[in-house]
């Protein structure tokens, strides 16, 4: 898999912005990607040194629209901790936009 196929998009949430302040960034990743592939993809795409990768599978939730019942998609996320002094620019400049 290519690095751009492994990292799908950053996760934008309150918790991810709090973690970004301490050097931990959250991404939605390919469900079949393992920690080593995620580490290599982040280092290649953003030119930072990755210290730690944690992954979690997000389970699907039941949803309803009137009589129609369904489920959201299950997906995989990775929380990546970068080295001292490294930052990922996607999360910069978004903290104070209210």
PDB file of N, CA and C in Angstrom:
ATOM      1  N   UNK A   1       0.832  -1.190   0.000  1.00  0.00           N
ATOM      2  CA  UNK A   1       0.000   0.000   0.000  1.00  0.00           C
ATOM      3  C   UNK A   1       0.876   1.253   0.000  1.00  0.00           C
ATOM      4  N   UNK A   2       0.374   2.272  -0.649  1.00  0.00           N
ATOM      5  CA  UNK A   2       1.054   3.565  -0.707  1.00  0.00           C
ATOM      6  C   UNK A   2       0.731   4.361   0.561  1.00  0.00           C
ATOM      7  N   UNK A   3       1.587   5.318   0.929  1.00  0.00           N
ATOM      8  CA  UNK A   3       1.391   6.113   2.148  1.00  0.00           C
ATOM      9  C   UNK A   3       0.079   6.880   2.102  1.00  0.00           C
ATOM     10  N   UNK A   4      -0.306   7.376   0.930  1.00  0.00           N
ATOM     11  CA  UNK A   4      -1.553   8.129   0.825  1.00  0.00           C
ATOM     12  C   UNK A   4      -2.776   7.219   0.910  1.00  0.00           C
ATOM     13  N   UNK A   5      -2.618   5.929   0.686  1.00  0.00           N
ATOM     14  CA  UNK A   5      -3.724   4.990   0.853  1.00  0.00           C
ATOM     15  C   UNK A   5      -3.867   4.569   2.312  1.00  0.00           C
ATOM     16  N   UNK A   6      -2.766   4.570   3.057  1.00  0.00           N
ATOM     17  CA  UNK A   6      -2.802   4.158   4.459  1.00  0.00           C
ATOM     18  C   UNK A   6      -3.439   5.241   5.319  1.00  0.00           C
ATOM     19  N   UNK A   7      -3.010   6.494   5.153  1.00  0.00           N
ATOM     20  CA  UNK A   7      -3.553   7.615   5.921  1.00  0.00           C
ATOM     21  C   UNK A   7      -4.710   8.195   5.124  1.00  0.00           C
ATOM     22  N   UNK A   8      -5.936   8.045   5.640  1.00  0.00           N
ATOM     23  CA  UNK A   8      -7.113   8.498   4.898  1.00  0.00           C
ATOM     24  C   UNK A   8      -7.373   9.979   5.153  1.00  0.00           C
ATOM     25  N   UNK A   9      -7.485  10.371   6.432  1.00  0.00           N
ATOM     26  CA  UNK A   9      -7.701  11.780   6.769  1.00  0.00           C
ATOM     27  C   UNK A   9      -7.492  11.987   8.258  1.00  0.00           C
ATOM     28  N   UNK A  10      -7.236  13.234   8.670  1.00  0.00           N
ATOM     29  CA  UNK A  10      -7.134  13.498  10.109  1.00  0.00           C
ATOM     30  C   UNK A  10      -8.512  13.471  10.754  1.00  0.00           C
ATOM     31  N   UNK A  11      -8.559  13.112  12.020  1.00  0.00           N
ATOM     32  CA  UNK A  11      -9.810  13.122  12.783  1.00  0.00           C
ATOM     33  C   UNK A  11      -9.934  14.493  13.431  1.00  0.00           C
ATOM     34  N   UNK A  12     -11.019  15.203  13.131  1.00  0.00           N
ATOM     35  CA  UNK A  12     -11.242  16.539  13.665  1.00  0.00           C
ATOM     36  C   UNK A  12     -12.290  16.439  14.774  1.00  0.00           C
ATOM     37  N   UNK A  13     -11.816  16.553  16.020  1.00  0.00           N
ATOM     38  CA  UNK A  13     -12.717  16.520  17.172  1.00  0.00           C
ATOM     39  C   UNK A  13     -12.073  17.309  18.303  1.00  0.00           C
ATOM     40  N   UNK A  14     -12.829  17.570  19.341  1.00  0.00           N
ATOM     41  CA  UNK A  14     -12.280  18.296  20.491  1.00  0.00           C
ATOM     42  C   UNK A  14     -11.121  17.519  21.114  1.00  0.00           C
ATOM     43  N   UNK A  15     -11.311  16.212  21.257  1.00  0.00           N
ATOM     44  CA  UNK A  15     -10.272  15.398  21.875  1.00  0.00           C
ATOM     45  C   UNK A  15      -8.996  15.384  21.029  1.00  0.00           C
ATOM     46  N   UNK A  16      -9.141  15.320  19.710  1.00  0.00           N
ATOM     47  CA  UNK A  16      -7.949  15.287  18.860  1.00  0.00           C
ATOM     48  C   UNK A  16      -7.176  16.598  18.938  1.00  0.00           C
ATOM     49  N   UNK A  17      -7.858  17.735  19.111  1.00  0.00           N
ATOM     50  CA  UNK A  17      -7.158  19.010  19.223  1.00  0.00           C
ATOM     51  C   UNK A  17      -6.446  19.140  20.571  1.00  0.00           C
ATOM     52  N   UNK A  18      -7.031  18.593  21.623  1.00  0.00           N
ATOM     53  CA  UNK A  18      -6.359  18.591  22.930  1.00  0.00           C
ATOM     54  C   UNK A  18      -5.098  17.727  22.855  1.00  0.00           C
ATOM     55  N   UNK A  19      -5.201  16.566  22.218  1.00  0.00           N
ATOM     56  CA  UNK A  19      -4.034  15.688  22.070  1.00  0.00           C
ATOM     57  C   UNK A  19      -2.971  16.309  21.174  1.00  0.00           C
ATOM     58  N   UNK A  20      -3.378  17.089  20.167  1.00  0.00           N
ATOM     59  CA  UNK A  20      -2.429  17.708  19.245  1.00  0.00           C
ATOM     60  C   UNK A  20      -1.528  18.706  19.963  1.00  0.00           C
ATOM     61  N   UNK A  21      -2.017  19.316  21.026  1.00  0.00           N
ATOM     62  CA  UNK A  21      -1.213  20.271  21.778  1.00  0.00           C
ATOM     63  C   UNK A  21      -0.030  19.610  22.478  1.00  0.00           C
ATOM     64  N   UNK A  22      -0.129  18.312  22.761  1.00  0.00           N
ATOM     65  CA  UNK A  22       0.971  17.594  23.416  1.00  0.00           C
ATOM     66  C   UNK A  22       1.716  16.670  22.439  1.00  0.00           C
ATOM     67  N   UNK A  23       1.506  16.891  21.138  1.00  0.00           N
ATOM     68  CA  UNK A  23       2.266  16.144  20.138  1.00  0.00           C
ATOM     69  C   UNK A  23       1.682  14.810  19.740  1.00  0.00           C
ATOM     70  N   UNK A  24       0.377  14.592  19.991  1.00  0.00           N
ATOM     71  CA  UNK A  24      -0.290  13.357  19.575  1.00  0.00           C
ATOM     72  C   UNK A  24      -1.362  13.713  18.554  1.00  0.00           C
ATOM     73  N   UNK A  25      -1.284  13.089  17.382  1.00  0.00           N
ATOM     74  CA  UNK A  25      -2.184  13.423  16.279  1.00  0.00           C
ATOM     75  C   UNK A  25      -3.011  12.201  15.913  1.00  0.00           C
ATOM     76  N   UNK A  26      -4.295  12.424  15.613  1.00  0.00           N
ATOM     77  CA  UNK A  26      -5.234  11.345  15.354  1.00  0.00           C
ATOM     78  C   UNK A  26      -5.593  11.319  13.873  1.00  0.00           C
ATOM     79  N   UNK A  27      -5.533  10.117  13.274  1.00  0.00           N
ATOM     80  CA  UNK A  27      -5.841   9.949  11.862  1.00  0.00           C
ATOM     81  C   UNK A  27      -6.780   8.769  11.662  1.00  0.00           C
ATOM     82  N   UNK A  28      -7.609   8.875  10.622  1.00  0.00           N
ATOM     83  CA  UNK A  28      -8.375   7.727  10.158  1.00  0.00           C
ATOM     84  C   UNK A  28      -7.468   6.976   9.198  1.00  0.00           C
ATOM     85  N   UNK A  29      -7.304   5.674   9.401  1.00  0.00           N
ATOM     86  CA  UNK A  29      -6.357   4.895   8.602  1.00  0.00           C
ATOM     87  C   UNK A  29      -7.060   3.717   7.939  1.00  0.00           C
ATOM     88  N   UNK A  30      -6.373   3.127   6.983  1.00  0.00           N
ATOM     89  CA  UNK A  30      -6.894   1.954   6.269  1.00  0.00           C
ATOM     90  C   UNK A  30      -7.092   0.814   7.277  1.00  0.00           C
ATOM     91  N   UNK A  31      -8.206   0.095   7.186  1.00  0.00           N
ATOM     92  CA  UNK A  31      -8.484  -0.958   8.181  1.00  0.00           C
ATOM     93  C   UNK A  31      -7.459  -2.087   8.227  1.00  0.00           C
ATOM     94  N   UNK A  32      -6.755  -2.335   7.128  1.00  0.00           N
ATOM     95  CA  UNK A  32      -5.777  -3.423   7.091  1.00  0.00           C
ATOM     96  C   UNK A  32      -4.357  -2.977   7.413  1.00  0.00           C
ATOM     97  N   UNK A  33      -4.154  -1.680   7.668  1.00  0.00           N
ATOM     98  CA  UNK A  33      -2.809  -1.161   7.940  1.00  0.00           C
ATOM     99  C   UNK A  33      -2.389  -1.505   9.360  1.00  0.00           C
ATOM    100  N   UNK A  34      -1.131  -1.903   9.527  1.00  0.00           N
ATOM    101  CA  UNK A  34      -0.621  -2.169  10.868  1.00  0.00           C
ATOM    102  C   UNK A  34       0.275  -1.027  11.317  1.00  0.00           C
ATOM    103  N   UNK A  35       0.724  -1.077  12.571  1.00  0.00           N
ATOM    104  CA  UNK A  35       1.434   0.043  13.186  1.00  0.00           C
ATOM    105  C   UNK A  35       2.702   0.436  12.431  1.00  0.00           C
ATOM    106  N   UNK A  36       3.449  -0.527  11.943  1.00  0.00           N
ATOM    107  CA  UNK A  36       4.680  -0.225  11.224  1.00  0.00           C
ATOM    108  C   UNK A  36       4.372   0.531   9.932  1.00  0.00           C
ATOM    109  N   UNK A  37       3.341   0.112   9.201  1.00  0.00           N
ATOM    110  CA  UNK A  37       2.959   0.807   7.976  1.00  0.00           C
ATOM    111  C   UNK A  37       2.486   2.224   8.280  1.00  0.00           C
ATOM    112  N   UNK A  38       1.741   2.409   9.363  1.00  0.00           N
ATOM    113  CA  UNK A  38       1.252   3.734   9.745  1.00  0.00           C
ATOM    114  C   UNK A  38       2.426   4.635  10.104  1.00  0.00           C
ATOM    115  N   UNK A  39       3.379   4.121  10.866  1.00  0.00           N
ATOM    116  CA  UNK A  39       4.575   4.886  11.241  1.00  0.00           C
ATOM    117  C   UNK A  39       5.334   5.345   9.987  1.00  0.00           C
ATOM    118  N   UNK A  40       5.571   4.425   9.065  1.00  0.00           N
ATOM    119  CA  UNK A  40       6.313   4.757   7.850  1.00  0.00           C
ATOM    120  C   UNK A  40       5.558   5.768   6.994  1.00  0.00           C
ATOM    121  N   UNK A  41       4.234   5.648   6.916  1.00  0.00           N
ATOM    122  CA  UNK A  41       3.430   6.569   6.105  1.00  0.00           C
ATOM    123  C   UNK A  41       3.450   7.977   6.689  1.00  0.00           C
ATOM    124  N   UNK A  42       3.334   8.108   8.017  1.00  0.00           N
ATOM    125  CA  UNK A  42       3.360   9.427   8.665  1.00  0.00           C
ATOM    126  C   UNK A  42       4.739  10.069   8.475  1.00  0.00           C
ATOM    127  N   UNK A  43       5.792   9.290   8.673  1.00  0.00           N
ATOM    128  CA  UNK A  43       7.143   9.829   8.511  1.00  0.00           C
ATOM    129  C   UNK A  43       7.396  10.262   7.068  1.00  0.00           C
ATOM    130  N   UNK A  44       6.850   9.531   6.105  1.00  0.00           N
ATOM    131  CA  UNK A  44       7.041   9.870   4.693  1.00  0.00           C
ATOM    132  C   UNK A  44       6.220  11.098   4.294  1.00  0.00           C
ATOM    133  N   UNK A  45       4.968  11.162   4.734  1.00  0.00           N
ATOM    134  CA  UNK A  45       4.083  12.249   4.301  1.00  0.00           C
ATOM    135  C   UNK A  45       4.396  13.576   4.982  1.00  0.00           C
ATOM    136  N   UNK A  46       4.730  13.554   6.267  1.00  0.00           N
ATOM    137  CA  UNK A  46       4.865  14.792   7.034  1.00  0.00           C
ATOM    138  C   UNK A  46       6.301  15.102   7.457  1.00  0.00           C
ATOM    139  N   UNK A  47       7.257  14.211   7.149  1.00  0.00           N
ATOM    140  CA  UNK A  47       8.673  14.412   7.468  1.00  0.00           C
ATOM    141  C   UNK A  47       8.896  14.709   8.947  1.00  0.00           C
ATOM    142  N   UNK A  48       8.319  13.871   9.800  1.00  0.00           N
ATOM    143  CA  UNK A  48       8.500  13.960  11.251  1.00  0.00           C
ATOM    144  C   UNK A  48       9.007  12.612  11.749  1.00  0.00           C
ATOM    145  N   UNK A  49       9.519  12.590  12.976  1.00  0.00           N
ATOM    146  CA  UNK A  49       9.959  11.343  13.606  1.00  0.00           C
ATOM    147  C   UNK A  49       8.848  10.851  14.528  1.00  0.00           C
ATOM    148  N   UNK A  50       8.349   9.649  14.290  1.00  0.00           N
ATOM    149  CA  UNK A  50       7.255   9.086  15.077  1.00  0.00           C
ATOM    150  C   UNK A  50       7.834   8.318  16.260  1.00  0.00           C
ATOM    151  N   UNK A  51       7.347   8.641  17.464  1.00  0.00           N
ATOM    152  CA  UNK A  51       7.799   7.944  18.672  1.00  0.00           C
ATOM    153  C   UNK A  51       6.911   6.750  18.994  1.00  0.00           C
ATOM    154  N   UNK A  52       5.598   6.889  18.778  1.00  0.00           N
ATOM    155  CA  UNK A  52       4.679   5.827  19.183  1.00  0.00           C
ATOM    156  C   UNK A  52       3.428   5.866  18.321  1.00  0.00           C
ATOM    157  N   UNK A  53       2.862   4.683  18.051  1.00  0.00           N
ATOM    158  CA  UNK A  53       1.613   4.570  17.304  1.00  0.00           C
ATOM    159  C   UNK A  53       0.666   3.691  18.113  1.00  0.00           C
ATOM    160  N   UNK A  54      -0.533   4.210  18.334  1.00  0.00           N
ATOM    161  CA  UNK A  54      -1.585   3.418  18.986  1.00  0.00           C
ATOM    162  C   UNK A  54      -2.762   3.337  18.031  1.00  0.00           C
ATOM    163  N   UNK A  55      -3.358   2.160  17.910  1.00  0.00           N
ATOM    164  CA  UNK A  55      -4.480   1.981  16.988  1.00  0.00           C
ATOM    165  C   UNK A  55      -5.706   1.514  17.747  1.00  0.00           C
ATOM    166  N   UNK A  56      -6.866   1.814  17.165  1.00  0.00           N
ATOM    167  CA  UNK A  56      -8.140   1.376  17.744  1.00  0.00           C
ATOM    168  C   UNK A  56      -9.139   1.182  16.615  1.00  0.00           C
ATOM    169  N   UNK A  57      -9.945   0.151  16.735  1.00  0.00           N
ATOM    170  CA  UNK A  57     -11.025  -0.068  15.783  1.00  0.00           C
ATOM    171  C   UNK A  57     -12.289   0.564  16.353  1.00  0.00           C
ATOM    172  N   UNK A  58     -12.890   1.457  15.585  1.00  0.00           N
ATOM    173  CA  UNK A  58     -14.115   2.133  16.009  1.00  0.00           C
ATOM    174  C   UNK A  58     -15.288   1.326  15.473  1.00  0.00           C
ATOM    175  N   UNK A  59     -16.107   0.829  16.359  1.00  0.00           N
ATOM    176  CA  UNK A  59     -17.225  -0.021  15.965  1.00  0.00           C
ATOM    177  C   UNK A  59     -18.363   0.810  15.367  1.00  0.00           C
ATOM    178  N   UNK A  60     -19.185   0.178  14.558  1.00  0.00           N
ATOM    179  CA  UNK A  60     -20.312   0.877  13.951  1.00  0.00           C
ATOM    180  C   UNK A  60     -21.427   1.075  14.978  1.00  0.00           C
ATOM    181  N   UNK A  61     -22.234   2.120  14.767  1.00  0.00           N
ATOM    182  CA  UNK A  61     -23.332   2.436  15.683  1.00  0.00           C
ATOM    183  C   UNK A  61     -24.648   2.315  14.933  1.00  0.00           C
ATOM    184  N   UNK A  62     -25.702   1.891  15.620  1.00  0.00           N
ATOM    185  CA  UNK A  62     -27.009   1.843  14.961  1.00  0.00           C
ATOM    186  C   UNK A  62     -27.576   3.255  14.778  1.00  0.00           C
ATOM    187  N   UNK A  63     -28.164   3.505  13.619  1.00  0.00           N
ATOM    188  CA  UNK A  63     -28.778   4.796  13.313  1.00  0.00           C
ATOM    189  C   UNK A  63     -30.156   4.562  12.707  1.00  0.00           C
ATOM    190  N   UNK A  64     -31.054   5.532  12.904  1.00  0.00           N
ATOM    191  CA  UNK A  64     -32.399   5.444  12.337  1.00  0.00           C
ATOM    192  C   UNK A  64     -32.753   6.749  11.646  1.00  0.00           C
ATOM    193  N   UNK A  65     -33.486   6.646  10.552  1.00  0.00           N
ATOM    194  CA  UNK A  65     -34.114   7.789   9.876  1.00  0.00           C
ATOM    195  C   UNK A  65     -35.556   7.389   9.644  1.00  0.00           C
ATOM    196  N   UNK A  66     -36.407   7.734  10.586  1.00  0.00           N
ATOM    197  CA  UNK A  66     -37.811   7.319  10.470  1.00  0.00           C
ATOM    198  C   UNK A  66     -37.921   5.814  10.575  1.00  0.00           C
ATOM    199  N   UNK A  67     -38.501   5.205   9.556  1.00  0.00           N
ATOM    200  CA  UNK A  67     -38.681   3.753   9.564  1.00  0.00           C
ATOM    201  C   UNK A  67     -37.430   3.014   9.093  1.00  0.00           C
ATOM    202  N   UNK A  68     -36.498   3.723   8.496  1.00  0.00           N
ATOM    203  CA  UNK A  68     -35.294   3.084   7.968  1.00  0.00           C
ATOM    204  C   UNK A  68     -34.241   2.940   9.065  1.00  0.00           C
ATOM    205  N   UNK A  69     -33.773   1.725   9.257  1.00  0.00           N
ATOM    206  CA  UNK A  69     -32.740   1.463  10.248  1.00  0.00           C
ATOM    207  C   UNK A  69     -31.473   1.025   9.529  1.00  0.00           C
ATOM    208  N   UNK A  70     -30.333   1.420  10.080  1.00  0.00           N
ATOM    209  CA  UNK A  70     -29.067   1.033   9.487  1.00  0.00           C
ATOM    210  C   UNK A  70     -27.955   1.177  10.501  1.00  0.00           C
ATOM    211  N   UNK A  71     -26.737   1.145  10.023  1.00  0.00           N
ATOM    212  CA  UNK A  71     -25.571   1.287  10.886  1.00  0.00           C
ATOM    213  C   UNK A  71     -24.554   2.190  10.207  1.00  0.00           C
ATOM    214  N   UNK A  72     -23.748   2.874  11.017  1.00  0.00           N
ATOM    215  CA  UNK A  72     -22.637   3.637  10.473  1.00  0.00           C
ATOM    216  C   UNK A  72     -21.509   2.667  10.121  1.00  0.00           C
ATOM    217  N   UNK A  73     -20.523   3.156   9.408  1.00  0.00           N
ATOM    218  CA  UNK A  73     -19.394   2.303   9.039  1.00  0.00           C
ATOM    219  C   UNK A  73     -18.459   2.101  10.225  1.00  0.00           C
ATOM    220  N   UNK A  74     -17.876   0.930  10.296  1.00  0.00           N
ATOM    221  CA  UNK A  74     -16.786   0.685  11.249  1.00  0.00           C
ATOM    222  C   UNK A  74     -15.507   1.201  10.595  1.00  0.00           C
ATOM    223  N   UNK A  75     -14.572   1.744  11.389  1.00  0.00           N
ATOM    224  CA  UNK A  75     -13.330   2.288  10.845  1.00  0.00           C
ATOM    225  C   UNK A  75     -12.215   2.143  11.846  1.00  0.00           C
ATOM    226  N   UNK A  76     -11.002   2.413  11.403  1.00  0.00           N
ATOM    227  CA  UNK A  76      -9.823   2.261  12.248  1.00  0.00           C
ATOM    228  C   UNK A  76      -9.152   3.615  12.401  1.00  0.00           C
ATOM    229  N   UNK A  77      -8.729   3.930  13.638  1.00  0.00           N
ATOM    230  CA  UNK A  77      -8.017   5.177  13.862  1.00  0.00           C
ATOM    231  C   UNK A  77      -6.668   4.894  14.486  1.00  0.00           C
ATOM    232  N   UNK A  78      -5.760   5.841  14.269  1.00  0.00           N
ATOM    233  CA  UNK A  78      -4.415   5.734  14.826  1.00  0.00           C
ATOM    234  C   UNK A  78      -4.081   7.041  15.522  1.00  0.00           C
ATOM    235  N   UNK A  79      -3.546   6.937  16.738  1.00  0.00           N
ATOM    236  CA  UNK A  79      -3.049   8.094  17.469  1.00  0.00           C
ATOM    237  C   UNK A  79      -1.525   8.007  17.416  1.00  0.00           C
ATOM    238  N   UNK A  80      -0.925   9.009  16.770  1.00  0.00           N
ATOM    239  CA  UNK A  80       0.505   9.004  16.485  1.00  0.00           C
ATOM    240  C   UNK A  80       1.173  10.067  17.346  1.00  0.00           C
ATOM    241  N   UNK A  81       2.183   9.665  18.111  1.00  0.00           N
ATOM    242  CA  UNK A  81       2.963  10.621  18.899  1.00  0.00           C
ATOM    243  C   UNK A  81       4.254  10.902  18.164  1.00  0.00           C
ATOM    244  N   UNK A  82       4.521  12.197  17.923  1.00  0.00           N
ATOM    245  CA  UNK A  82       5.730  12.584  17.210  1.00  0.00           C
ATOM    246  C   UNK A  82       6.804  13.001  18.205  1.00  0.00           C
ATOM    247  N   UNK A  83       8.035  13.090  17.714  1.00  0.00           N
ATOM    248  CA  UNK A  83       9.168  13.431  18.560  1.00  0.00           C
ATOM    249  C   UNK A  83       9.127  14.875  19.034  1.00  0.00           C
ATOM    250  N   UNK A  84      10.013  15.185  19.996  1.00  0.00           N
ATOM    251  CA  UNK A  84      10.109  16.535  20.552  1.00  0.00           C
ATOM    252  C   UNK A  84      10.423  17.538  19.445  1.00  0.00           C
ATOM    253  N   UNK A  85       9.670  18.626  19.416  1.00  0.00           N
ATOM    254  CA  UNK A  85       9.913  19.677  18.447  1.00  0.00           C
ATOM    255  C   UNK A  85       9.271  19.460  17.086  1.00  0.00           C
ATOM    256  N   UNK A  86       8.772  18.260  16.795  1.00  0.00           N
ATOM    257  CA  UNK A  86       8.103  17.994  15.518  1.00  0.00           C
ATOM    258  C   UNK A  86       6.618  18.326  15.631  1.00  0.00           C
ATOM    259  N   UNK A  87       6.054  18.853  14.552  1.00  0.00           N
ATOM    260  CA  UNK A  87       4.619  19.115  14.484  1.00  0.00           C
ATOM    261  C   UNK A  87       4.108  18.683  13.125  1.00  0.00           C
ATOM    262  N   UNK A  88       2.823  18.432  13.052  1.00  0.00           N
ATOM    263  CA  UNK A  88       2.169  18.109  11.789  1.00  0.00           C
ATOM    264  C   UNK A  88       1.302  19.313  11.433  1.00  0.00           C
ATOM    265  N   UNK A  89       1.559  19.955  10.292  1.00  0.00           N
ATOM    266  CA  UNK A  89       0.930  21.248   9.992  1.00  0.00           C
ATOM    267  C   UNK A  89      -0.574  21.215   9.757  1.00  0.00           C
ATOM    268  N   UNK A  90      -1.176  20.061   9.532  1.00  0.00           N
ATOM    269  CA  UNK A  90      -2.622  19.999   9.298  1.00  0.00           C
ATOM    270  C   UNK A  90      -3.373  20.540  10.509  1.00  0.00           C
ATOM    271  N   UNK A  91      -2.866  20.286  11.715  1.00  0.00           N
ATOM    272  CA  UNK A  91      -3.566  20.669  12.924  1.00  0.00           C
ATOM    273  C   UNK A  91      -3.183  22.078  13.402  1.00  0.00           C
ATOM    274  N   UNK A  92      -2.225  22.726  12.763  1.00  0.00           N
ATOM    275  CA  UNK A  92      -1.786  24.041  13.207  1.00  0.00           C
ATOM    276  C   UNK A  92      -2.708  25.113  12.665  1.00  0.00           C
ATOM    277  N   UNK A  93      -3.010  26.119  13.496  1.00  0.00           N
ATOM    278  CA  UNK A  93      -3.829  27.230  13.056  1.00  0.00           C
ATOM    279  C   UNK A  93      -5.319  27.004  13.152  1.00  0.00           C
ATOM    280  N   UNK A  94      -5.740  25.824  13.574  1.00  0.00           N
ATOM    281  CA  UNK A  94      -7.175  25.532  13.673  1.00  0.00           C
ATOM    282  C   UNK A  94      -7.701  25.679  15.092  1.00  0.00           C
ATOM    283  N   UNK A  95      -6.787  25.820  16.081  1.00  0.00           N
ATOM    284  CA  UNK A  95      -7.218  25.841  17.477  1.00  0.00           C
ATOM    285  C   UNK A  95      -8.076  27.057  17.810  1.00  0.00           C
ATOM    286  N   UNK A  96      -7.731  28.241  17.277  1.00  0.00           N
ATOM    287  CA  UNK A  96      -8.416  29.457  17.677  1.00  0.00           C
ATOM    288  C   UNK A  96      -9.513  29.908  16.733  1.00  0.00           C
ATOM    289  N   UNK A  97     -10.051  29.022  15.918  1.00  0.00           N
ATOM    290  CA  UNK A  97     -11.072  29.422  14.938  1.00  0.00           C
ATOM    291  C   UNK A  97     -12.474  29.202  15.500  1.00  0.00           C
ATOM    292  N   UNK A  98     -12.943  30.178  16.265  1.00  0.00           N
ATOM    293  CA  UNK A  98     -14.300  30.080  16.814  1.00  0.00           C
ATOM    294  C   UNK A  98     -15.102  31.294  16.448  1.00  0.00           C
TER     295      UNK A  98
END
